[in-house]
Amino acid sequence: MTTLGRLGIWRGATQVDGAFADRAERLGYGTVWLGGSPGGDLAVVDALLEATENLVVATGILNIWQDDARSAAAAFHRIDKLHPGRFVLGIGAGHREATADYRTPYQALVDYLDVLAAEGVPKEQTVLAALGPKVLRLAADRTAGAHPYLSTPEHTRQAREILGVGVLLAPEQKIVLDEDDARGRATGRRTVEFYLGLRNYVANLRRLGFDDADLAKPGSDRLVDVLAVHGDGDAVAAGVRAHLDAGADHVAVQALGDDPWPALEAVAHRLA
């Protein structure tokens, strides 16, 4: 299985370039995750890998409704031929609210994985966006593991129990480096609030014990504080470490705010 390292950076695919990837690698991050459903031929991946020596690039995630599996497989093979073992294809079903053609997502994921396998994409270099138990088990059975988004350390603990030992668990964690409590929480809330309109995330948060008062927009302080950890360098690093302590193999850190680097440096200096 491709080694991701303990720490990765989750960033929108349009927000990264070769210079970003080079800086991430020099800080000690093992992987850059490309968010925002990067599609097409994944040309952005080539630029990041060419700018670095050992960094892994992963899609977090490729939306199965936007790019068919054969196209995704062709992109995978092109990238892997040039940079063997340094690309991980993360796929997921996205959100019902964003996709008109949204049939049963579980079966759609199974069908997509069937095509990837038939096209020779190795299980060891694919991961699945997974929150609920059923899709987590699918990730364990059919891919290298799971990449949960908008999750908590408690979700990580539960996911590890479902996945078992030896299956990759790579959650995403939002952080805000700001010692002003109210301002840091406000920055986190601006991002968290968006996801409270998406049923798959709301359903997962309910399973974790959050109630109507937490999940009503713009989100309770209790909810925002765990989904977008804020504070000084020690506080944000502790939020990332909590996932590792709960059973994660790797954490994809999403730094919120205009400049991500101070927060990413704070985490790297403490954990990388």
C-alpha atoms as a PDB file:
ATOM      1  CA  MET A   1       0.000   0.000   0.000  1.00  0.00           C
ATOM      2  CA  THR A   2       1.204   3.516  -0.753  1.00  0.00           C
ATOM      3  CA  THR A   3       2.577   5.175   2.392  1.00  0.00           C
ATOM      4  CA  LEU A   4       0.805   8.465   3.109  1.00  0.00           C
ATOM      5  CA  GLY A   5       2.758   9.472   6.205  1.00  0.00           C
ATOM      6  CA  ARG A   6       1.106  10.557   9.459  1.00  0.00           C
ATOM      7  CA  LEU A   7       0.099  13.993   8.156  1.00  0.00           C
ATOM      8  CA  GLY A   8      -1.428  15.309   4.967  1.00  0.00           C
ATOM      9  CA  ILE A   9      -2.886  18.570   3.750  1.00  0.00           C
ATOM     10  CA  TRP A  10      -6.455  18.776   2.438  1.00  0.00           C
ATOM     11  CA  ARG A  11      -6.833  21.656  -0.008  1.00  0.00           C
ATOM     12  CA  GLY A  12      -9.074  22.539  -2.917  1.00  0.00           C
ATOM     13  CA  ALA A  13      -7.612  21.376  -6.222  1.00  0.00           C
ATOM     14  CA  THR A  14      -7.712  24.923  -7.611  1.00  0.00           C
ATOM     15  CA  GLN A  15      -5.741  26.229  -4.607  1.00  0.00           C
ATOM     16  CA  VAL A  16      -2.574  24.199  -5.070  1.00  0.00           C
ATOM     17  CA  ASP A  17       0.335  24.202  -7.473  1.00  0.00           C
ATOM     18  CA  GLY A  18       3.863  22.856  -7.650  1.00  0.00           C
ATOM     19  CA  ALA A  19       5.218  25.464  -5.231  1.00  0.00           C
ATOM     20  CA  PHE A  20       2.528  24.559  -2.693  1.00  0.00           C
ATOM     21  CA  ALA A  21       3.371  20.869  -2.970  1.00  0.00           C
ATOM     22  CA  ASP A  22       7.102  21.520  -2.616  1.00  0.00           C
ATOM     23  CA  ARG A  23       6.568  23.571   0.545  1.00  0.00           C
ATOM     24  CA  ALA A  24       4.282  20.905   1.986  1.00  0.00           C
ATOM     25  CA  GLU A  25       6.883  18.204   1.395  1.00  0.00           C
ATOM     26  CA  ARG A  26       9.661  20.273   2.959  1.00  0.00           C
ATOM     27  CA  LEU A  27       7.509  20.766   6.072  1.00  0.00           C
ATOM     28  CA  GLY A  28       7.183  17.009   6.467  1.00  0.00           C
ATOM     29  CA  TYR A  29       3.677  16.416   5.114  1.00  0.00           C
ATOM     30  CA  GLY A  30       3.414  13.086   3.337  1.00  0.00           C
ATOM     31  CA  THR A  31       0.348  13.675   1.183  1.00  0.00           C
ATOM     32  CA  VAL A  32      -1.641  16.462  -0.439  1.00  0.00           C
ATOM     33  CA  TRP A  33      -5.352  15.691  -0.778  1.00  0.00           C
ATOM     34  CA  LEU A  34      -7.135  17.437  -3.639  1.00  0.00           C
ATOM     35  CA  GLY A  35     -10.635  18.510  -2.608  1.00  0.00           C
ATOM     36  CA  GLY A  36     -13.452  20.097  -4.544  1.00  0.00           C
ATOM     37  CA  SER A  37     -14.135  17.030  -6.711  1.00  0.00           C
ATOM     38  CA  PRO A  38     -11.199  17.454  -9.110  1.00  0.00           C
ATOM     39  CA  GLY A  39     -12.298  15.989 -12.409  1.00  0.00           C
ATOM     40  CA  GLY A  40     -11.199  15.513 -15.966  1.00  0.00           C
ATOM     41  CA  ASP A  41      -7.800  14.023 -16.639  1.00  0.00           C
ATOM     42  CA  LEU A  42      -6.382  15.098 -13.239  1.00  0.00           C
ATOM     43  CA  ALA A  43      -3.631  17.134 -14.883  1.00  0.00           C
ATOM     44  CA  VAL A  44      -3.119  19.037 -11.628  1.00  0.00           C
ATOM     45  CA  VAL A  45      -1.754  15.831 -10.093  1.00  0.00           C
ATOM     46  CA  ASP A  46       1.121  15.706 -12.591  1.00  0.00           C
ATOM     47  CA  ALA A  47       2.224  19.230 -11.699  1.00  0.00           C
ATOM     48  CA  LEU A  48       2.336  18.463  -7.974  1.00  0.00           C
ATOM     49  CA  LEU A  49       4.233  15.206  -8.387  1.00  0.00           C
ATOM     50  CA  GLU A  50       6.726  16.714 -10.811  1.00  0.00           C
ATOM     51  CA  ALA A  51       7.526  19.447  -8.279  1.00  0.00           C
ATOM     52  CA  THR A  52       8.284  17.000  -5.461  1.00  0.00           C
ATOM     53  CA  GLU A  53      10.365  13.920  -4.788  1.00  0.00           C
ATOM     54  CA  ASN A  54       8.381  11.673  -2.474  1.00  0.00           C
ATOM     55  CA  LEU A  55       5.083  13.446  -1.802  1.00  0.00           C
ATOM     56  CA  VAL A  56       1.920  11.434  -2.434  1.00  0.00           C
ATOM     57  CA  VAL A  57      -1.080  13.103  -4.073  1.00  0.00           C
ATOM     58  CA  ALA A  58      -4.584  11.804  -3.422  1.00  0.00           C
ATOM     59  CA  THR A  59      -8.001  12.867  -4.629  1.00  0.00           C
ATOM     60  CA  GLY A  60     -10.274  13.698  -1.741  1.00  0.00           C
ATOM     61  CA  ILE A  61     -12.454  12.887  -3.578  1.00  0.00           C
ATOM     62  CA  LEU A  62     -13.169  12.208  -7.254  1.00  0.00           C
ATOM     63  CA  ASN A  63     -16.961  12.386  -7.583  1.00  0.00           C
ATOM     64  CA  ILE A  64     -18.324   9.228  -9.216  1.00  0.00           C
ATOM     65  CA  TRP A  65     -21.211  11.143 -10.796  1.00  0.00           C
ATOM     66  CA  GLN A  66     -18.896  13.597 -12.563  1.00  0.00           C
ATOM     67  CA  ASP A  67     -16.280  11.279 -14.089  1.00  0.00           C
ATOM     68  CA  ASP A  68     -16.920   7.774 -15.296  1.00  0.00           C
ATOM     69  CA  ALA A  69     -14.804   4.957 -13.945  1.00  0.00           C
ATOM     70  CA  ARG A  70     -12.991   4.167 -17.203  1.00  0.00           C
ATOM     71  CA  SER A  71     -11.829   7.769 -17.538  1.00  0.00           C
ATOM     72  CA  ALA A  72     -10.695   7.742 -13.918  1.00  0.00           C
ATOM     73  CA  ALA A  73      -8.811   4.491 -14.504  1.00  0.00           C
ATOM     74  CA  ALA A  74      -7.085   5.923 -17.573  1.00  0.00           C
ATOM     75  CA  ALA A  75      -6.000   8.990 -15.588  1.00  0.00           C
ATOM     76  CA  PHE A  76      -4.749   6.760 -12.780  1.00  0.00           C
ATOM     77  CA  HIS A  77      -2.617   4.644 -15.111  1.00  0.00           C
ATOM     78  CA  ARG A  78      -1.159   7.710 -16.837  1.00  0.00           C
ATOM     79  CA  ILE A  79      -0.121   9.235 -13.517  1.00  0.00           C
ATOM     80  CA  ASP A  80       1.118   6.001 -11.971  1.00  0.00           C
ATOM     81  CA  LYS A  81       3.260   5.210 -14.995  1.00  0.00           C
ATOM     82  CA  LEU A  82       5.109   8.513 -14.617  1.00  0.00           C
ATOM     83  CA  HIS A  83       5.189   8.512 -10.799  1.00  0.00           C
ATOM     84  CA  PRO A  84       4.839   4.912  -9.593  1.00  0.00           C
ATOM     85  CA  GLY A  85       3.175   4.491  -6.232  1.00  0.00           C
ATOM     86  CA  ARG A  86       2.735   8.215  -5.563  1.00  0.00           C
ATOM     87  CA  PHE A  87      -0.926   8.658  -6.499  1.00  0.00           C
ATOM     88  CA  VAL A  88      -3.993   7.470  -4.600  1.00  0.00           C
ATOM     89  CA  LEU A  89      -7.398   7.586  -6.250  1.00  0.00           C
ATOM     90  CA  GLY A  90      -9.982   8.573  -3.667  1.00  0.00           C
ATOM     91  CA  ILE A  91     -13.566   8.261  -4.859  1.00  0.00           C
ATOM     92  CA  GLY A  92     -16.944   9.034  -3.346  1.00  0.00           C
ATOM     93  CA  ALA A  93     -20.611   9.588  -4.083  1.00  0.00           C
ATOM     94  CA  GLY A  94     -20.677  13.271  -3.191  1.00  0.00           C
ATOM     95  CA  HIS A  95     -23.932  14.875  -2.061  1.00  0.00           C
ATOM     96  CA  ARG A  96     -27.531  14.251  -3.052  1.00  0.00           C
ATOM     97  CA  GLU A  97     -28.154  18.017  -3.054  1.00  0.00           C
ATOM     98  CA  ALA A  98     -25.423  18.636  -5.638  1.00  0.00           C
ATOM     99  CA  THR A  99     -26.174  15.863  -8.125  1.00  0.00           C
ATOM    100  CA  ALA A 100     -29.325  15.437 -10.180  1.00  0.00           C
ATOM    101  CA  ASP A 101     -28.411  11.863 -11.199  1.00  0.00           C
ATOM    102  CA  TYR A 102     -28.206  10.479  -7.676  1.00  0.00           C
ATOM    103  CA  ARG A 103     -29.396   6.871  -7.602  1.00  0.00           C
ATOM    104  CA  THR A 104     -28.624   4.501  -4.760  1.00  0.00           C
ATOM    105  CA  PRO A 105     -25.130   5.656  -3.808  1.00  0.00           C
ATOM    106  CA  TYR A 106     -23.968   2.372  -2.278  1.00  0.00           C
ATOM    107  CA  GLN A 107     -24.660   0.355  -5.425  1.00  0.00           C
ATOM    108  CA  ALA A 108     -23.177   3.102  -7.566  1.00  0.00           C
ATOM    109  CA  LEU A 109     -19.959   2.889  -5.555  1.00  0.00           C
ATOM    110  CA  VAL A 110     -19.878  -0.900  -5.925  1.00  0.00           C
ATOM    111  CA  ASP A 111     -20.379  -0.608  -9.691  1.00  0.00           C
ATOM    112  CA  TYR A 112     -17.663   2.041  -9.962  1.00  0.00           C
ATOM    113  CA  LEU A 113     -15.198  -0.083  -7.987  1.00  0.00           C
ATOM    114  CA  ASP A 114     -16.019  -3.063 -10.217  1.00  0.00           C
ATOM    115  CA  VAL A 115     -14.995  -1.079 -13.291  1.00  0.00           C
ATOM    116  CA  LEU A 116     -11.817   0.243 -11.653  1.00  0.00           C
ATOM    117  CA  ALA A 117     -10.836  -3.317 -10.761  1.00  0.00           C
ATOM    118  CA  ALA A 118     -11.576  -4.538 -14.280  1.00  0.00           C
ATOM    119  CA  GLU A 119      -9.419  -1.706 -15.648  1.00  0.00           C
ATOM    120  CA  GLY A 120      -6.485  -2.762 -13.460  1.00  0.00           C
ATOM    121  CA  VAL A 121      -6.520  -0.015 -10.826  1.00  0.00           C
ATOM    122  CA  PRO A 122      -4.997  -1.661  -7.745  1.00  0.00           C
ATOM    123  CA  LYS A 123      -6.996  -1.843  -4.558  1.00  0.00           C
ATOM    124  CA  GLU A 124      -3.920  -0.654  -2.676  1.00  0.00           C
ATOM    125  CA  GLN A 125      -4.049   2.734  -4.412  1.00  0.00           C
ATOM    126  CA  THR A 126      -7.739   3.500  -4.033  1.00  0.00           C
ATOM    127  CA  VAL A 127      -9.640   4.822  -1.014  1.00  0.00           C
ATOM    128  CA  LEU A 128     -13.298   5.503  -0.402  1.00  0.00           C
ATOM    129  CA  ALA A 129     -15.031   8.500   1.128  1.00  0.00           C
ATOM    130  CA  ALA A 130     -16.880   6.762   3.953  1.00  0.00           C
ATOM    131  CA  LEU A 131     -18.899   7.893   6.957  1.00  0.00           C
ATOM    132  CA  GLY A 132     -21.579   5.304   7.773  1.00  0.00           C
ATOM    133  CA  PRO A 133     -20.913   1.689   8.770  1.00  0.00           C
ATOM    134  CA  LYS A 134     -22.019   0.151   5.470  1.00  0.00           C
ATOM    135  CA  VAL A 135     -19.675   2.238   3.315  1.00  0.00           C
ATOM    136  CA  LEU A 136     -16.865   1.895   5.837  1.00  0.00           C
ATOM    137  CA  ARG A 137     -17.145  -1.886   5.480  1.00  0.00           C
ATOM    138  CA  LEU A 138     -17.131  -1.496   1.692  1.00  0.00           C
ATOM    139  CA  ALA A 139     -13.957   0.585   1.950  1.00  0.00           C
ATOM    140  CA  ALA A 140     -12.307  -2.153   3.990  1.00  0.00           C
ATOM    141  CA  ASP A 141     -13.384  -4.900   1.590  1.00  0.00           C
ATOM    142  CA  ARG A 142     -12.709  -3.214  -1.742  1.00  0.00           C
ATOM    143  CA  THR A 143     -10.065  -0.500  -1.241  1.00  0.00           C
ATOM    144  CA  ALA A 144      -7.032   0.383   0.852  1.00  0.00           C
ATOM    145  CA  GLY A 145      -9.317   2.119   3.326  1.00  0.00           C
ATOM    146  CA  ALA A 146     -11.453   5.120   4.226  1.00  0.00           C
ATOM    147  CA  HIS A 147     -11.126   8.894   3.960  1.00  0.00           C
ATOM    148  CA  PRO A 148     -13.877  10.382   6.163  1.00  0.00           C
ATOM    149  CA  TYR A 149     -14.565  14.097   5.790  1.00  0.00           C
ATOM    150  CA  LEU A 150     -16.076  16.427   8.413  1.00  0.00           C
ATOM    151  CA  SER A 151     -15.544  13.837  11.097  1.00  0.00           C
ATOM    152  CA  THR A 152     -14.628  13.856  14.781  1.00  0.00           C
ATOM    153  CA  PRO A 153     -12.173  11.843  16.874  1.00  0.00           C
ATOM    154  CA  GLU A 154     -15.144   9.840  18.166  1.00  0.00           C
ATOM    155  CA  HIS A 155     -16.074   8.974  14.575  1.00  0.00           C
ATOM    156  CA  THR A 156     -12.470   7.929  14.018  1.00  0.00           C
ATOM    157  CA  ARG A 157     -12.653   5.623  17.047  1.00  0.00           C
ATOM    158  CA  GLN A 158     -15.869   4.033  15.785  1.00  0.00           C
ATOM    159  CA  ALA A 159     -14.558   3.773  12.226  1.00  0.00           C
ATOM    160  CA  ARG A 160     -11.437   1.962  13.396  1.00  0.00           C
ATOM    161  CA  GLU A 161     -13.589  -0.613  15.181  1.00  0.00           C
ATOM    162  CA  ILE A 162     -15.537  -1.210  11.961  1.00  0.00           C
ATOM    163  CA  LEU A 163     -12.510  -1.258   9.642  1.00  0.00           C
ATOM    164  CA  GLY A 164     -10.357  -3.432  11.858  1.00  0.00           C
ATOM    165  CA  VAL A 165      -6.585  -3.567  11.960  1.00  0.00           C
ATOM    166  CA  GLY A 166      -4.452  -2.993   8.882  1.00  0.00           C
ATOM    167  CA  VAL A 167      -6.996  -0.946   6.908  1.00  0.00           C
ATOM    168  CA  LEU A 168      -6.125   2.675   6.161  1.00  0.00           C
ATOM    169  CA  LEU A 169      -8.098   5.302   8.081  1.00  0.00           C
ATOM    170  CA  ALA A 170      -7.332   8.859   6.960  1.00  0.00           C
ATOM    171  CA  PRO A 171      -9.830  11.412   8.313  1.00  0.00           C
ATOM    172  CA  GLU A 172      -9.867  15.118   7.499  1.00  0.00           C
ATOM    173  CA  GLN A 173      -9.644  17.721  10.296  1.00  0.00           C
ATOM    174  CA  LYS A 174     -10.239  21.473   9.960  1.00  0.00           C
ATOM    175  CA  ILE A 175      -8.076  23.812  12.025  1.00  0.00           C
ATOM    176  CA  VAL A 176      -7.945  27.560  12.656  1.00  0.00           C
ATOM    177  CA  LEU A 177      -4.778  29.077  14.114  1.00  0.00           C
ATOM    178  CA  ASP A 178      -6.166  31.993  16.122  1.00  0.00           C
ATOM    179  CA  GLU A 179      -5.772  32.602  19.846  1.00  0.00           C
ATOM    180  CA  ASP A 180      -8.851  34.836  19.889  1.00  0.00           C
ATOM    181  CA  ASP A 181     -11.537  32.311  20.829  1.00  0.00           C
ATOM    182  CA  ALA A 182     -14.521  34.141  19.331  1.00  0.00           C
ATOM    183  CA  ARG A 183     -12.742  35.021  16.098  1.00  0.00           C
ATOM    184  CA  GLY A 184     -11.318  31.537  15.629  1.00  0.00           C
ATOM    185  CA  ARG A 185     -14.735  29.970  16.188  1.00  0.00           C
ATOM    186  CA  ALA A 186     -16.317  32.419  13.730  1.00  0.00           C
ATOM    187  CA  THR A 187     -13.781  31.438  11.063  1.00  0.00           C
ATOM    188  CA  GLY A 188     -14.517  27.767  11.609  1.00  0.00           C
ATOM    189  CA  ARG A 189     -18.276  28.314  11.626  1.00  0.00           C
ATOM    190  CA  ARG A 190     -18.219  29.981   8.198  1.00  0.00           C
ATOM    191  CA  THR A 191     -17.034  26.681   6.704  1.00  0.00           C
ATOM    192  CA  VAL A 192     -18.905  24.259   8.955  1.00  0.00           C
ATOM    193  CA  GLU A 193     -22.252  25.958   8.333  1.00  0.00           C
ATOM    194  CA  PHE A 194     -22.198  25.027   4.647  1.00  0.00           C
ATOM    195  CA  TYR A 195     -22.123  21.307   5.431  1.00  0.00           C
ATOM    196  CA  LEU A 196     -25.137  21.530   7.729  1.00  0.00           C
ATOM    197  CA  GLY A 197     -27.255  21.752   4.577  1.00  0.00           C
ATOM    198  CA  LEU A 198     -26.040  18.377   3.303  1.00  0.00           C
ATOM    199  CA  ARG A 199     -27.957  15.347   4.516  1.00  0.00           C
ATOM    200  CA  ASN A 200     -25.152  12.808   4.522  1.00  0.00           C
ATOM    201  CA  TYR A 201     -23.037  14.891   6.887  1.00  0.00           C
ATOM    202  CA  VAL A 202     -25.971  15.806   9.111  1.00  0.00           C
ATOM    203  CA  ALA A 203     -26.976  12.137   9.387  1.00  0.00           C
ATOM    204  CA  ASN A 204     -23.443  11.175  10.381  1.00  0.00           C
ATOM    205  CA  LEU A 205     -23.259  13.913  13.009  1.00  0.00           C
ATOM    206  CA  ARG A 206     -26.569  12.721  14.469  1.00  0.00           C
ATOM    207  CA  ARG A 207     -25.097   9.228  14.796  1.00  0.00           C
ATOM    208  CA  LEU A 208     -22.308  10.819  16.809  1.00  0.00           C
ATOM    209  CA  GLY A 209     -24.755  12.331  19.285  1.00  0.00           C
ATOM    210  CA  PHE A 210     -25.284  15.862  17.989  1.00  0.00           C
ATOM    211  CA  ASP A 211     -28.910  17.025  18.136  1.00  0.00           C
ATOM    212  CA  ASP A 212     -31.176  19.574  16.473  1.00  0.00           C
ATOM    213  CA  ALA A 213     -29.786  22.417  18.566  1.00  0.00           C
ATOM    214  CA  ASP A 214     -26.242  21.561  17.423  1.00  0.00           C
ATOM    215  CA  LEU A 215     -27.122  21.006  13.781  1.00  0.00           C
ATOM    216  CA  ALA A 216     -29.353  24.026  13.142  1.00  0.00           C
ATOM    217  CA  LYS A 217     -27.436  26.541  11.059  1.00  0.00           C
ATOM    218  CA  PRO A 218     -24.981  28.085  11.774  1.00  0.00           C
ATOM    219  CA  GLY A 219     -24.074  25.245  14.163  1.00  0.00           C
ATOM    220  CA  SER A 220     -23.594  25.185  17.928  1.00  0.00           C
ATOM    221  CA  ASP A 221     -20.312  26.132  19.578  1.00  0.00           C
ATOM    222  CA  ARG A 222     -19.932  22.496  20.667  1.00  0.00           C
ATOM    223  CA  LEU A 223     -20.201  21.304  17.080  1.00  0.00           C
ATOM    224  CA  VAL A 224     -17.989  23.959  15.532  1.00  0.00           C
ATOM    225  CA  ASP A 225     -15.273  23.531  18.162  1.00  0.00           C
ATOM    226  CA  VAL A 226     -14.758  19.851  17.339  1.00  0.00           C
ATOM    227  CA  LEU A 227     -15.157  20.105  13.555  1.00  0.00           C
ATOM    228  CA  ALA A 228     -12.911  23.179  13.204  1.00  0.00           C
ATOM    229  CA  VAL A 229     -10.441  23.121  16.091  1.00  0.00           C
ATOM    230  CA  HIS A 230      -9.181  26.597  16.885  1.00  0.00           C
ATOM    231  CA  GLY A 231      -6.598  28.149  19.179  1.00  0.00           C
ATOM    232  CA  ASP A 232      -2.828  28.391  19.404  1.00  0.00           C
ATOM    233  CA  GLY A 233      -0.366  25.940  17.858  1.00  0.00           C
ATOM    234  CA  ASP A 234      -0.628  23.487  20.736  1.00  0.00           C
ATOM    235  CA  ALA A 235      -4.441  23.511  20.552  1.00  0.00           C
ATOM    236  CA  VAL A 236      -4.699  22.857  16.822  1.00  0.00           C
ATOM    237  CA  ALA A 237      -2.014  20.168  16.978  1.00  0.00           C
ATOM    238  CA  ALA A 238      -3.920  18.519  19.819  1.00  0.00           C
ATOM    239  CA  GLY A 239      -7.040  18.445  17.628  1.00  0.00           C
ATOM    240  CA  VAL A 240      -5.095  16.597  14.938  1.00  0.00           C
ATOM    241  CA  ARG A 241      -3.412  14.287  17.445  1.00  0.00           C
ATOM    242  CA  ALA A 242      -6.809  13.291  18.847  1.00  0.00           C
ATOM    243  CA  HIS A 243      -7.575  11.462  15.593  1.00  0.00           C
ATOM    244  CA  LEU A 244      -4.239   9.646  15.687  1.00  0.00           C
ATOM    245  CA  ASP A 245      -4.883   8.633  19.281  1.00  0.00           C
ATOM    246  CA  ALA A 246      -8.353   7.397  18.267  1.00  0.00           C
ATOM    247  CA  GLY A 247      -6.960   5.045  15.633  1.00  0.00           C
ATOM    248  CA  ALA A 248      -6.257   7.091  12.502  1.00  0.00           C
ATOM    249  CA  ASP A 249      -3.199   6.160  10.464  1.00  0.00           C
ATOM    250  CA  HIS A 250      -3.062   9.565   8.812  1.00  0.00           C
ATOM    251  CA  VAL A 251      -4.837  12.916   9.225  1.00  0.00           C
ATOM    252  CA  ALA A 252      -5.556  15.277   6.331  1.00  0.00           C
ATOM    253  CA  VAL A 253      -5.322  18.770   7.831  1.00  0.00           C
ATOM    254  CA  GLN A 254      -7.452  21.523   6.317  1.00  0.00           C
ATOM    255  CA  ALA A 255      -6.249  24.939   7.476  1.00  0.00           C
ATOM    256  CA  LEU A 256      -8.990  27.570   7.288  1.00  0.00           C
ATOM    257  CA  GLY A 257      -8.382  31.276   6.776  1.00  0.00           C
ATOM    258  CA  ASP A 258      -6.671  33.423   4.185  1.00  0.00           C
ATOM    259  CA  ASP A 259      -3.171  32.035   4.709  1.00  0.00           C
ATOM    260  CA  PRO A 260      -2.977  28.303   5.534  1.00  0.00           C
ATOM    261  CA  TRP A 261       0.760  28.147   6.153  1.00  0.00           C
ATOM    262  CA  PRO A 262       1.075  29.399   9.751  1.00  0.00           C
ATOM    263  CA  ALA A 263      -1.407  26.742  10.900  1.00  0.00           C
ATOM    264  CA  LEU A 264       0.164  24.030   8.759  1.00  0.00           C
ATOM    265  CA  GLU A 265       3.608  24.931  10.066  1.00  0.00           C
ATOM    266  CA  ALA A 266       2.350  24.835  13.664  1.00  0.00           C
ATOM    267  CA  VAL A 267       1.020  21.308  13.203  1.00  0.00           C
ATOM    268  CA  ALA A 268       4.059  20.099  11.291  1.00  0.00           C
ATOM    269  CA  HIS A 269       6.503  21.391  13.884  1.00  0.00           C
ATOM    270  CA  ARG A 270       4.655  19.510  16.620  1.00  0.00           C
ATOM    271  CA  LEU A 271       3.628  16.292  14.850  1.00  0.00           C
ATOM    272  CA  ALA A 272       5.465  15.713  11.575  1.00  0.00           C
END
